[in-house]
């Protein structure tokens, strides 16, 4: 875990240094010539971090650092390691300017030194005492700066639950106003400080904790009620089932309409299937047999029809006789 923190600190220091080339710090060699680029970070006047990027500036060399705020030199109490080489140092701040002296642990190569004011390398902590004042569609965000107000800016990021990306607003002082918000929506806000105007190297604080607001009131979260989510899910499932059922009924009805409009035409090849299998291609023999079958089928149908009609007639006569006998 300690190695991960050290790696994060190194990356943070060098990212700030690379984006501020005009304000870069250099360690001077014995002749006084600025030679080695390095960085300083004063974390809220609680911890000083000095980094000199050992793999680039001192390959295969392990450097030792000494520092002082007064007349007494002190050796680095806690080194930051990179590939098993000292690449930085962390220590408590003191009163006055910081003096740095770096040399090779084995006594090889030149010595390097510099003198800087730690006040100009201030990195603030996340803003404290942040207030949100709402006036319908406008919110004013303010905070308490950790130093002179002119030295710090405030960056505000916000988004509604419907937004994918953060929207940002930044002001020179610790006060930001945002207009055009929808009071009915739930918004997420977060803020951070920037030490820029009084710094040699601008440093942002980490983001403060996120806060949630709706209708000008602070709430715990923008998540909807779990019971509402369940009801929405059930309604969605029922609606899906009803739509599928309606589509199924529509498909069935369309098939019936299609069959009534365009009935299925029998395949003619089945009409002559027994011409060759049963009659060896003798068309006269096949047609006479087919006609006999059709005539017989027609006679049977007519006979059945006659029998049915005769039976119905007899039933009606019997009903009339019964009705006459029952007369007084």
C-alpha atoms as a PDB file:
ATOM      1  CA  UNK A   1       0.000   0.000   0.000  1.00  0.00           C
ATOM      2  CA  UNK A   2       2.836   2.401   0.849  1.00  0.00           C
ATOM      3  CA  UNK A   3       4.440   1.781  -2.547  1.00  0.00           C
ATOM      4  CA  UNK A   4       1.142   2.566  -4.289  1.00  0.00           C
ATOM      5  CA  UNK A   5       0.845   5.855  -2.383  1.00  0.00           C
ATOM      6  CA  UNK A   6       4.425   6.770  -3.266  1.00  0.00           C
ATOM      7  CA  UNK A   7       3.815   6.004  -6.937  1.00  0.00           C
ATOM      8  CA  UNK A   8       0.689   8.188  -6.860  1.00  0.00           C
ATOM      9  CA  UNK A   9       2.598  11.062  -5.283  1.00  0.00           C
ATOM     10  CA  UNK A  10       5.344  10.786  -7.924  1.00  0.00           C
ATOM     11  CA  UNK A  11       2.813  10.778 -10.785  1.00  0.00           C
ATOM     12  CA  UNK A  12       0.995  13.759  -9.266  1.00  0.00           C
ATOM     13  CA  UNK A  13       4.162  15.785  -8.851  1.00  0.00           C
ATOM     14  CA  UNK A  14       5.420  15.184 -12.362  1.00  0.00           C
ATOM     15  CA  UNK A  15       2.047  15.769 -13.999  1.00  0.00           C
ATOM     16  CA  UNK A  16       1.945  19.199 -12.384  1.00  0.00           C
ATOM     17  CA  UNK A  17       5.529  19.843 -13.372  1.00  0.00           C
ATOM     18  CA  UNK A  18       5.006  18.888 -17.010  1.00  0.00           C
ATOM     19  CA  UNK A  19       1.995  21.196 -17.310  1.00  0.00           C
ATOM     20  CA  UNK A  20       3.953  24.109 -15.819  1.00  0.00           C
ATOM     21  CA  UNK A  21       7.224  24.102 -17.729  1.00  0.00           C
ATOM     22  CA  UNK A  22       7.700  27.883 -17.429  1.00  0.00           C
ATOM     23  CA  UNK A  23       7.663  27.602 -13.608  1.00  0.00           C
ATOM     24  CA  UNK A  24       9.792  24.455 -13.328  1.00  0.00           C
ATOM     25  CA  UNK A  25      12.367  24.201 -10.531  1.00  0.00           C
ATOM     26  CA  UNK A  26      15.969  23.195 -11.162  1.00  0.00           C
ATOM     27  CA  UNK A  27      18.651  21.941  -8.842  1.00  0.00           C
ATOM     28  CA  UNK A  28      21.925  23.750  -9.454  1.00  0.00           C
ATOM     29  CA  UNK A  29      25.226  21.877  -9.641  1.00  0.00           C
ATOM     30  CA  UNK A  30      28.455  22.866  -7.867  1.00  0.00           C
ATOM     31  CA  UNK A  31      29.061  25.629 -10.410  1.00  0.00           C
ATOM     32  CA  UNK A  32      25.623  27.143  -9.757  1.00  0.00           C
ATOM     33  CA  UNK A  33      24.189  26.112 -13.134  1.00  0.00           C
ATOM     34  CA  UNK A  34      20.543  24.903 -13.002  1.00  0.00           C
ATOM     35  CA  UNK A  35      20.790  21.315 -14.165  1.00  0.00           C
ATOM     36  CA  UNK A  36      18.262  18.883 -12.672  1.00  0.00           C
ATOM     37  CA  UNK A  37      14.531  19.471 -12.925  1.00  0.00           C
ATOM     38  CA  UNK A  38      12.610  18.646  -9.756  1.00  0.00           C
ATOM     39  CA  UNK A  39       9.318  19.453  -8.006  1.00  0.00           C
ATOM     40  CA  UNK A  40       8.073  20.571  -4.604  1.00  0.00           C
ATOM     41  CA  UNK A  41       4.600  20.119  -3.143  1.00  0.00           C
ATOM     42  CA  UNK A  42       3.470  21.589   0.156  1.00  0.00           C
ATOM     43  CA  UNK A  43       0.349  19.646   1.125  1.00  0.00           C
ATOM     44  CA  UNK A  44      -1.733  22.048   3.207  1.00  0.00           C
ATOM     45  CA  UNK A  45       1.316  23.032   5.308  1.00  0.00           C
ATOM     46  CA  UNK A  46       1.268  19.516   6.762  1.00  0.00           C
ATOM     47  CA  UNK A  47       3.767  17.642   4.608  1.00  0.00           C
ATOM     48  CA  UNK A  48       6.457  18.600   2.078  1.00  0.00           C
ATOM     49  CA  UNK A  49       7.218  16.302  -0.853  1.00  0.00           C
ATOM     50  CA  UNK A  50      10.322  16.819  -3.009  1.00  0.00           C
ATOM     51  CA  UNK A  51      10.775  14.665  -6.124  1.00  0.00           C
ATOM     52  CA  UNK A  52      13.677  14.501  -8.596  1.00  0.00           C
ATOM     53  CA  UNK A  53      12.725  11.653 -10.984  1.00  0.00           C
ATOM     54  CA  UNK A  54      15.649   9.303 -10.354  1.00  0.00           C
ATOM     55  CA  UNK A  55      15.288   7.015 -13.441  1.00  0.00           C
ATOM     56  CA  UNK A  56      15.608  10.009 -15.783  1.00  0.00           C
ATOM     57  CA  UNK A  57      18.035  12.273 -13.894  1.00  0.00           C
ATOM     58  CA  UNK A  58      20.151   9.759 -11.979  1.00  0.00           C
ATOM     59  CA  UNK A  59      20.075   6.374 -13.724  1.00  0.00           C
ATOM     60  CA  UNK A  60      21.795   3.647 -11.703  1.00  0.00           C
ATOM     61  CA  UNK A  61      22.617   6.131  -8.933  1.00  0.00           C
ATOM     62  CA  UNK A  62      21.062   6.401  -5.482  1.00  0.00           C
ATOM     63  CA  UNK A  63      20.850   9.974  -4.246  1.00  0.00           C
ATOM     64  CA  UNK A  64      20.746  11.214  -0.657  1.00  0.00           C
ATOM     65  CA  UNK A  65      18.879  14.382   0.301  1.00  0.00           C
ATOM     66  CA  UNK A  66      19.482  16.886   3.116  1.00  0.00           C
ATOM     67  CA  UNK A  67      17.279  19.857   3.907  1.00  0.00           C
ATOM     68  CA  UNK A  68      16.949  22.723   6.378  1.00  0.00           C
ATOM     69  CA  UNK A  69      14.669  25.628   7.272  1.00  0.00           C
ATOM     70  CA  UNK A  70      17.131  27.137   9.688  1.00  0.00           C
ATOM     71  CA  UNK A  71      20.852  26.538  10.242  1.00  0.00           C
ATOM     72  CA  UNK A  72      20.562  22.829  11.045  1.00  0.00           C
ATOM     73  CA  UNK A  73      20.769  20.348   8.169  1.00  0.00           C
ATOM     74  CA  UNK A  74      18.627  17.217   8.411  1.00  0.00           C
ATOM     75  CA  UNK A  75      18.710  14.037   6.353  1.00  0.00           C
ATOM     76  CA  UNK A  76      15.511  12.911   4.622  1.00  0.00           C
ATOM     77  CA  UNK A  77      13.399  10.937   7.139  1.00  0.00           C
ATOM     78  CA  UNK A  78      11.300   9.118   4.515  1.00  0.00           C
ATOM     79  CA  UNK A  79      12.398   8.456   0.950  1.00  0.00           C
ATOM     80  CA  UNK A  80      10.087   7.752  -1.984  1.00  0.00           C
ATOM     81  CA  UNK A  81      11.372   4.804  -4.009  1.00  0.00           C
ATOM     82  CA  UNK A  82      11.138   4.211  -7.743  1.00  0.00           C
ATOM     83  CA  UNK A  83      12.670   0.968  -9.088  1.00  0.00           C
ATOM     84  CA  UNK A  84      14.539   0.619  -5.772  1.00  0.00           C
ATOM     85  CA  UNK A  85      16.173   4.059  -6.116  1.00  0.00           C
ATOM     86  CA  UNK A  86      15.495   7.164  -4.043  1.00  0.00           C
ATOM     87  CA  UNK A  87      13.419   9.483  -6.194  1.00  0.00           C
ATOM     88  CA  UNK A  88      11.880  11.780  -3.609  1.00  0.00           C
ATOM     89  CA  UNK A  89      11.566  12.725   0.028  1.00  0.00           C
ATOM     90  CA  UNK A  90       8.698  13.507   2.414  1.00  0.00           C
ATOM     91  CA  UNK A  91       9.093  15.550   5.610  1.00  0.00           C
ATOM     92  CA  UNK A  92       7.337  18.041   7.871  1.00  0.00           C
ATOM     93  CA  UNK A  93       7.389  21.755   6.984  1.00  0.00           C
ATOM     94  CA  UNK A  94       9.257  24.329   8.986  1.00  0.00           C
ATOM     95  CA  UNK A  95       9.560  28.096   9.330  1.00  0.00           C
ATOM     96  CA  UNK A  96      11.377  30.017   6.643  1.00  0.00           C
ATOM     97  CA  UNK A  97      12.681  29.110   3.193  1.00  0.00           C
ATOM     98  CA  UNK A  98      13.500  25.523   2.267  1.00  0.00           C
ATOM     99  CA  UNK A  99      17.126  24.679   1.450  1.00  0.00           C
ATOM    100  CA  UNK A 100      17.783  21.439  -0.423  1.00  0.00           C
ATOM    101  CA  UNK A 101      21.045  19.571  -0.899  1.00  0.00           C
ATOM    102  CA  UNK A 102      21.260  16.316  -2.910  1.00  0.00           C
ATOM    103  CA  UNK A 103      24.337  14.201  -3.552  1.00  0.00           C
ATOM    104  CA  UNK A 104      25.300  10.692  -4.585  1.00  0.00           C
ATOM    105  CA  UNK A 105      25.245   8.193  -1.721  1.00  0.00           C
ATOM    106  CA  UNK A 106      28.501   6.721  -3.001  1.00  0.00           C
ATOM    107  CA  UNK A 107      30.144  10.149  -3.244  1.00  0.00           C
ATOM    108  CA  UNK A 108      30.240  10.104  -7.063  1.00  0.00           C
ATOM    109  CA  UNK A 109      29.251  12.991  -9.309  1.00  0.00           C
ATOM    110  CA  UNK A 110      28.435  16.589  -8.474  1.00  0.00           C
ATOM    111  CA  UNK A 111      26.234  17.886  -5.660  1.00  0.00           C
ATOM    112  CA  UNK A 112      22.959  19.695  -6.286  1.00  0.00           C
ATOM    113  CA  UNK A 113      21.159  22.354  -4.254  1.00  0.00           C
ATOM    114  CA  UNK A 114      18.347  24.892  -4.353  1.00  0.00           C
ATOM    115  CA  UNK A 115      16.416  27.307  -2.138  1.00  0.00           C
ATOM    116  CA  UNK A 116      12.672  27.942  -2.395  1.00  0.00           C
ATOM    117  CA  UNK A 117       9.749  29.354  -0.403  1.00  0.00           C
ATOM    118  CA  UNK A 118       7.345  26.521   0.403  1.00  0.00           C
ATOM    119  CA  UNK A 119       4.429  28.981   0.428  1.00  0.00           C
ATOM    120  CA  UNK A 120       4.567  29.152  -3.358  1.00  0.00           C
ATOM    121  CA  UNK A 121       4.090  25.361  -3.729  1.00  0.00           C
ATOM    122  CA  UNK A 122       0.924  25.087  -1.662  1.00  0.00           C
ATOM    123  CA  UNK A 123      -1.498  22.256  -2.464  1.00  0.00           C
ATOM    124  CA  UNK A 124      -4.793  22.698  -0.585  1.00  0.00           C
ATOM    125  CA  UNK A 125      -7.005  20.030   0.874  1.00  0.00           C
ATOM    126  CA  UNK A 126     -10.590  19.699  -0.389  1.00  0.00           C
ATOM    127  CA  UNK A 127     -12.615  22.821   0.468  1.00  0.00           C
ATOM    128  CA  UNK A 128     -14.341  23.013   3.836  1.00  0.00           C
ATOM    129  CA  UNK A 129     -17.489  24.785   5.040  1.00  0.00           C
ATOM    130  CA  UNK A 130     -19.046  24.625   1.566  1.00  0.00           C
ATOM    131  CA  UNK A 131     -22.476  26.275   1.401  1.00  0.00           C
ATOM    132  CA  UNK A 132     -25.186  26.067  -1.292  1.00  0.00           C
ATOM    133  CA  UNK A 133     -27.708  28.889  -1.561  1.00  0.00           C
ATOM    134  CA  UNK A 134     -30.644  28.329  -3.934  1.00  0.00           C
ATOM    135  CA  UNK A 135     -32.857  30.905  -5.616  1.00  0.00           C
ATOM    136  CA  UNK A 136     -35.239  28.994  -7.898  1.00  0.00           C
ATOM    137  CA  UNK A 137     -33.029  28.033 -10.897  1.00  0.00           C
ATOM    138  CA  UNK A 138     -29.794  29.552  -9.532  1.00  0.00           C
ATOM    139  CA  UNK A 139     -27.377  28.129  -6.972  1.00  0.00           C
ATOM    140  CA  UNK A 140     -24.500  30.007  -5.330  1.00  0.00           C
ATOM    141  CA  UNK A 141     -21.676  27.886  -3.927  1.00  0.00           C
ATOM    142  CA  UNK A 142     -19.177  29.334  -1.471  1.00  0.00           C
ATOM    143  CA  UNK A 143     -16.363  27.970   0.694  1.00  0.00           C
ATOM    144  CA  UNK A 144     -13.790  29.082   3.250  1.00  0.00           C
ATOM    145  CA  UNK A 145     -10.297  29.342   1.681  1.00  0.00           C
ATOM    146  CA  UNK A 146      -7.330  28.026   3.703  1.00  0.00           C
ATOM    147  CA  UNK A 147      -5.423  31.265   3.095  1.00  0.00           C
ATOM    148  CA  UNK A 148      -5.743  34.678   1.459  1.00  0.00           C
ATOM    149  CA  UNK A 149      -8.897  34.617  -0.735  1.00  0.00           C
ATOM    150  CA  UNK A 150      -7.020  36.154  -3.678  1.00  0.00           C
ATOM    151  CA  UNK A 151      -4.747  33.084  -3.822  1.00  0.00           C
ATOM    152  CA  UNK A 152      -7.473  30.507  -4.433  1.00  0.00           C
ATOM    153  CA  UNK A 153     -10.034  29.692  -7.053  1.00  0.00           C
ATOM    154  CA  UNK A 154     -13.034  27.378  -6.812  1.00  0.00           C
ATOM    155  CA  UNK A 155     -14.123  24.842  -9.417  1.00  0.00           C
ATOM    156  CA  UNK A 156     -17.635  23.443  -9.316  1.00  0.00           C
ATOM    157  CA  UNK A 157     -18.818  20.390 -11.225  1.00  0.00           C
ATOM    158  CA  UNK A 158     -22.442  19.297 -11.398  1.00  0.00           C
ATOM    159  CA  UNK A 159     -24.768  17.012 -13.321  1.00  0.00           C
ATOM    160  CA  UNK A 160     -28.329  15.759 -13.116  1.00  0.00           C
ATOM    161  CA  UNK A 161     -29.212  12.074 -12.993  1.00  0.00           C
ATOM    162  CA  UNK A 162     -29.979  12.306 -16.739  1.00  0.00           C
ATOM    163  CA  UNK A 163     -26.515  13.655 -17.641  1.00  0.00           C
ATOM    164  CA  UNK A 164     -23.602  11.424 -18.599  1.00  0.00           C
ATOM    165  CA  UNK A 165     -20.808  13.997 -18.257  1.00  0.00           C
ATOM    166  CA  UNK A 166     -19.960  16.572 -15.602  1.00  0.00           C
ATOM    167  CA  UNK A 167     -20.556  20.250 -16.348  1.00  0.00           C
ATOM    168  CA  UNK A 168     -17.902  22.578 -14.932  1.00  0.00           C
ATOM    169  CA  UNK A 169     -17.796  26.172 -13.717  1.00  0.00           C
ATOM    170  CA  UNK A 170     -14.691  27.883 -12.318  1.00  0.00           C
ATOM    171  CA  UNK A 171     -14.188  31.243 -10.635  1.00  0.00           C
ATOM    172  CA  UNK A 172     -11.124  33.098  -9.347  1.00  0.00           C
ATOM    173  CA  UNK A 173     -12.461  33.373  -5.801  1.00  0.00           C
ATOM    174  CA  UNK A 174     -14.227  30.871  -3.558  1.00  0.00           C
ATOM    175  CA  UNK A 175     -17.653  31.689  -4.965  1.00  0.00           C
ATOM    176  CA  UNK A 176     -19.362  30.170  -7.998  1.00  0.00           C
ATOM    177  CA  UNK A 177     -22.858  30.806  -9.379  1.00  0.00           C
ATOM    178  CA  UNK A 178     -24.733  28.518 -11.757  1.00  0.00           C
ATOM    179  CA  UNK A 179     -27.929  29.583 -13.564  1.00  0.00           C
ATOM    180  CA  UNK A 180     -30.560  27.706 -15.548  1.00  0.00           C
ATOM    181  CA  UNK A 181     -30.994  24.682 -13.288  1.00  0.00           C
ATOM    182  CA  UNK A 182     -34.261  22.746 -13.130  1.00  0.00           C
ATOM    183  CA  UNK A 183     -35.465  22.719  -9.494  1.00  0.00           C
ATOM    184  CA  UNK A 184     -37.485  19.554 -10.123  1.00  0.00           C
ATOM    185  CA  UNK A 185     -34.383  17.564 -11.099  1.00  0.00           C
ATOM    186  CA  UNK A 186     -31.923  15.980  -8.716  1.00  0.00           C
ATOM    187  CA  UNK A 187     -28.356  17.294  -9.112  1.00  0.00           C
ATOM    188  CA  UNK A 188     -24.979  16.046  -7.915  1.00  0.00           C
ATOM    189  CA  UNK A 189     -22.374  18.663  -6.965  1.00  0.00           C
ATOM    190  CA  UNK A 190     -18.687  18.484  -6.104  1.00  0.00           C
ATOM    191  CA  UNK A 191     -16.053  21.188  -5.635  1.00  0.00           C
ATOM    192  CA  UNK A 192     -12.285  21.565  -5.404  1.00  0.00           C
ATOM    193  CA  UNK A 193      -9.844  24.390  -4.735  1.00  0.00           C
ATOM    194  CA  UNK A 194      -7.052  25.629  -6.976  1.00  0.00           C
ATOM    195  CA  UNK A 195      -4.001  27.362  -5.527  1.00  0.00           C
ATOM    196  CA  UNK A 196      -2.859  29.376  -8.518  1.00  0.00           C
ATOM    197  CA  UNK A 197      -2.494  33.139  -8.103  1.00  0.00           C
ATOM    198  CA  UNK A 198       0.079  32.962  -5.289  1.00  0.00           C
ATOM    199  CA  UNK A 199       1.838  29.773  -6.432  1.00  0.00           C
ATOM    200  CA  UNK A 200       4.797  29.180  -8.700  1.00  0.00           C
ATOM    201  CA  UNK A 201       3.142  25.903  -9.702  1.00  0.00           C
ATOM    202  CA  UNK A 202      -0.696  25.688  -9.654  1.00  0.00           C
ATOM    203  CA  UNK A 203      -2.048  22.846  -7.568  1.00  0.00           C
ATOM    204  CA  UNK A 204      -5.626  21.558  -7.371  1.00  0.00           C
ATOM    205  CA  UNK A 205      -7.011  19.966  -4.256  1.00  0.00           C
ATOM    206  CA  UNK A 206      -8.722  16.605  -4.423  1.00  0.00           C
ATOM    207  CA  UNK A 207     -12.462  16.695  -5.095  1.00  0.00           C
ATOM    208  CA  UNK A 208     -14.656  17.137  -2.071  1.00  0.00           C
ATOM    209  CA  UNK A 209     -17.428  14.707  -1.251  1.00  0.00           C
ATOM    210  CA  UNK A 210     -20.439  14.725  -3.557  1.00  0.00           C
ATOM    211  CA  UNK A 211     -23.677  16.340  -2.401  1.00  0.00           C
ATOM    212  CA  UNK A 212     -27.180  15.810  -3.770  1.00  0.00           C
ATOM    213  CA  UNK A 213     -29.808  18.536  -4.159  1.00  0.00           C
ATOM    214  CA  UNK A 214     -33.412  18.679  -5.345  1.00  0.00           C
ATOM    215  CA  UNK A 215     -35.891  21.564  -5.050  1.00  0.00           C
ATOM    216  CA  UNK A 216     -33.273  23.533  -3.159  1.00  0.00           C
ATOM    217  CA  UNK A 217     -33.022  20.836  -0.465  1.00  0.00           C
ATOM    218  CA  UNK A 218     -30.080  18.589   0.352  1.00  0.00           C
ATOM    219  CA  UNK A 219     -30.933  14.888   0.089  1.00  0.00           C
ATOM    220  CA  UNK A 220     -29.027  11.665   0.689  1.00  0.00           C
ATOM    221  CA  UNK A 221     -29.030  10.398  -2.875  1.00  0.00           C
ATOM    222  CA  UNK A 222     -30.535  10.884  -6.318  1.00  0.00           C
ATOM    223  CA  UNK A 223     -31.563   7.247  -6.464  1.00  0.00           C
ATOM    224  CA  UNK A 224     -35.327   6.730  -6.682  1.00  0.00           C
ATOM    225  CA  UNK A 225     -37.371   4.813  -4.109  1.00  0.00           C
ATOM    226  CA  UNK A 226     -36.746   1.019  -4.380  1.00  0.00           C
ATOM    227  CA  UNK A 227     -40.511   0.333  -4.230  1.00  0.00           C
ATOM    228  CA  UNK A 228     -41.025   2.699  -7.145  1.00  0.00           C
ATOM    229  CA  UNK A 229     -38.347   0.846  -9.092  1.00  0.00           C
ATOM    230  CA  UNK A 230     -40.153  -2.456  -8.456  1.00  0.00           C
ATOM    231  CA  UNK A 231     -43.484  -1.003  -9.605  1.00  0.00           C
ATOM    232  CA  UNK A 232     -41.869   0.424 -12.737  1.00  0.00           C
ATOM    233  CA  UNK A 233     -40.315  -2.976 -13.469  1.00  0.00           C
ATOM    234  CA  UNK A 234     -43.631  -4.821 -13.017  1.00  0.00           C
ATOM    235  CA  UNK A 235     -45.504  -2.338 -15.203  1.00  0.00           C
ATOM    236  CA  UNK A 236     -42.836  -2.666 -17.897  1.00  0.00           C
ATOM    237  CA  UNK A 237     -43.097  -6.478 -17.828  1.00  0.00           C
ATOM    238  CA  UNK A 238     -46.908  -6.392 -18.057  1.00  0.00           C
ATOM    239  CA  UNK A 239     -46.812  -3.910 -20.894  1.00  0.00           C
ATOM    240  CA  UNK A 240     -44.312  -6.099 -22.764  1.00  0.00           C
ATOM    241  CA  UNK A 241     -46.516  -9.187 -22.326  1.00  0.00           C
ATOM    242  CA  UNK A 242     -49.593  -7.314 -23.583  1.00  0.00           C
ATOM    243  CA  UNK A 243     -47.741  -6.027 -26.626  1.00  0.00           C
ATOM    244  CA  UNK A 244     -46.491  -9.521 -27.483  1.00  0.00           C
ATOM    245  CA  UNK A 245     -50.019 -10.957 -27.100  1.00  0.00           C
ATOM    246  CA  UNK A 246     -51.453  -8.234 -29.342  1.00  0.00           C
ATOM    247  CA  UNK A 247     -48.806  -8.921 -31.977  1.00  0.00           C
ATOM    248  CA  UNK A 248     -49.559 -12.657 -31.841  1.00  0.00           C
ATOM    249  CA  UNK A 249     -53.278 -12.054 -32.308  1.00  0.00           C
ATOM    250  CA  UNK A 250     -52.574  -9.683 -35.177  1.00  0.00           C
ATOM    251  CA  UNK A 251     -50.372 -12.270 -36.911  1.00  0.00           C
ATOM    252  CA  UNK A 252     -53.055 -14.962 -36.588  1.00  0.00           C
ATOM    253  CA  UNK A 253     -55.744 -12.631 -37.919  1.00  0.00           C
ATOM    254  CA  UNK A 254     -53.540 -11.602 -40.825  1.00  0.00           C
ATOM    255  CA  UNK A 255     -53.008 -15.253 -41.747  1.00  0.00           C
ATOM    256  CA  UNK A 256     -56.759 -15.890 -41.788  1.00  0.00           C
ATOM    257  CA  UNK A 257     -57.382 -12.811 -43.937  1.00  0.00           C
ATOM    258  CA  UNK A 258     -54.610 -13.830 -46.315  1.00  0.00           C
ATOM    259  CA  UNK A 259     -56.078 -17.318 -46.709  1.00  0.00           C
ATOM    260  CA  UNK A 260     -59.558 -15.933 -47.395  1.00  0.00           C
ATOM    261  CA  UNK A 261     -58.272 -13.467 -49.989  1.00  0.00           C
ATOM    262  CA  UNK A 262     -55.676 -15.751 -51.571  1.00  0.00           C
ATOM    263  CA  UNK A 263     -56.659 -19.397 -50.976  1.00  0.00           C
ATOM    264  CA  UNK A 264     -54.016 -22.029 -51.287  1.00  0.00           C
ATOM    265  CA  UNK A 265     -53.699 -23.372 -54.836  1.00  0.00           C
ATOM    266  CA  UNK A 266     -53.204 -27.155 -54.872  1.00  0.00           C
ATOM    267  CA  UNK A 267     -50.043 -28.428 -56.410  1.00  0.00           C
ATOM    268  CA  UNK A 268     -50.909 -29.952 -59.831  1.00  0.00           C
ATOM    269  CA  UNK A 269     -48.161 -32.538 -59.611  1.00  0.00           C
ATOM    270  CA  UNK A 270     -50.166 -34.486 -56.997  1.00  0.00           C
ATOM    271  CA  UNK A 271     -53.135 -34.859 -59.411  1.00  0.00           C
ATOM    272  CA  UNK A 272     -51.099 -37.093 -61.725  1.00  0.00           C
ATOM    273  CA  UNK A 273     -49.076 -38.950 -59.145  1.00  0.00           C
ATOM    274  CA  UNK A 274     -50.798 -42.310 -59.836  1.00  0.00           C
ATOM    275  CA  UNK A 275     -50.798 -41.898 -63.645  1.00  0.00           C
ATOM    276  CA  UNK A 276     -47.395 -43.588 -63.847  1.00  0.00           C
ATOM    277  CA  UNK A 277     -47.327 -45.503 -60.580  1.00  0.00           C
ATOM    278  CA  UNK A 278     -50.686 -47.319 -61.048  1.00  0.00           C
ATOM    279  CA  UNK A 279     -51.368 -47.089 -64.822  1.00  0.00           C
ATOM    280  CA  UNK A 280     -47.883 -47.093 -66.359  1.00  0.00           C
ATOM    281  CA  UNK A 281     -48.596 -43.837 -68.170  1.00  0.00           C
ATOM    282  CA  UNK A 282     -51.817 -45.079 -69.817  1.00  0.00           C
ATOM    283  CA  UNK A 283     -53.803 -41.876 -69.832  1.00  0.00           C
ATOM    284  CA  UNK A 284     -57.073 -43.430 -71.100  1.00  0.00           C
ATOM    285  CA  UNK A 285     -57.023 -46.058 -68.402  1.00  0.00           C
ATOM    286  CA  UNK A 286     -56.182 -43.428 -65.754  1.00  0.00           C
ATOM    287  CA  UNK A 287     -58.876 -40.938 -66.867  1.00  0.00           C
ATOM    288  CA  UNK A 288     -61.603 -43.606 -66.997  1.00  0.00           C
ATOM    289  CA  UNK A 289     -60.713 -44.744 -63.492  1.00  0.00           C
ATOM    290  CA  UNK A 290     -60.607 -41.181 -62.224  1.00  0.00           C
ATOM    291  CA  UNK A 291     -63.989 -40.386 -63.813  1.00  0.00           C
ATOM    292  CA  UNK A 292     -65.531 -43.486 -62.259  1.00  0.00           C
ATOM    293  CA  UNK A 293     -64.221 -42.455 -58.880  1.00  0.00           C
ATOM    294  CA  UNK A 294     -65.518 -38.922 -59.262  1.00  0.00           C
ATOM    295  CA  UNK A 295     -68.935 -40.152 -60.484  1.00  0.00           C
ATOM    296  CA  UNK A 296     -69.170 -42.649 -57.641  1.00  0.00           C
ATOM    297  CA  UNK A 297     -68.218 -39.977 -55.130  1.00  0.00           C
ATOM    298  CA  UNK A 298     -70.786 -37.645 -56.628  1.00  0.00           C
ATOM    299  CA  UNK A 299     -73.492 -40.319 -56.521  1.00  0.00           C
ATOM    300  CA  UNK A 300     -72.660 -41.087 -52.906  1.00  0.00           C
ATOM    301  CA  UNK A 301     -72.891 -37.429 -52.025  1.00  0.00           C
ATOM    302  CA  UNK A 302     -76.244 -37.061 -53.785  1.00  0.00           C
ATOM    303  CA  UNK A 303     -77.561 -40.257 -52.143  1.00  0.00           C
ATOM    304  CA  UNK A 304     -76.549 -39.002 -48.734  1.00  0.00           C
ATOM    305  CA  UNK A 305     -78.239 -35.694 -49.444  1.00  0.00           C
ATOM    306  CA  UNK A 306     -81.452 -37.458 -50.497  1.00  0.00           C
ATOM    307  CA  UNK A 307     -81.438 -39.707 -47.433  1.00  0.00           C
ATOM    308  CA  UNK A 308     -81.019 -36.690 -45.202  1.00  0.00           C
ATOM    309  CA  UNK A 309     -83.833 -34.804 -46.888  1.00  0.00           C
ATOM    310  CA  UNK A 310     -86.149 -37.854 -46.718  1.00  0.00           C
ATOM    311  CA  UNK A 311     -85.397 -38.361 -43.043  1.00  0.00           C
ATOM    312  CA  UNK A 312     -86.124 -34.719 -42.301  1.00  0.00           C
ATOM    313  CA  UNK A 313     -89.482 -34.997 -44.164  1.00  0.00           C
ATOM    314  CA  UNK A 314     -90.501 -38.087 -42.185  1.00  0.00           C
ATOM    315  CA  UNK A 315     -89.618 -36.380 -38.914  1.00  0.00           C
ATOM    316  CA  UNK A 316     -91.793 -33.392 -39.766  1.00  0.00           C
ATOM    317  CA  UNK A 317     -94.798 -35.673 -40.667  1.00  0.00           C
ATOM    318  CA  UNK A 318     -94.456 -37.552 -37.398  1.00  0.00           C
ATOM    319  CA  UNK A 319     -94.472 -34.278 -35.495  1.00  0.00           C
ATOM    320  CA  UNK A 320     -97.704 -33.228 -37.237  1.00  0.00           C
ATOM    321  CA  UNK A 321     -99.423 -36.552 -36.389  1.00  0.00           C
ATOM    322  CA  UNK A 322     -98.417 -36.227 -32.736  1.00  0.00           C
ATOM    323  CA  UNK A 323     -99.729 -32.721 -32.657  1.00  0.00           C
ATOM    324  CA  UNK A 324    -103.154 -33.774 -34.058  1.00  0.00           C
ATOM    325  CA  UNK A 325    -103.527 -36.644 -31.577  1.00  0.00           C
ATOM    326  CA  UNK A 326    -102.874 -34.333 -28.698  1.00  0.00           C
ATOM    327  CA  UNK A 327    -105.724 -32.001 -29.730  1.00  0.00           C
ATOM    328  CA  UNK A 328    -108.818 -32.228 -27.352  1.00  0.00           C
END
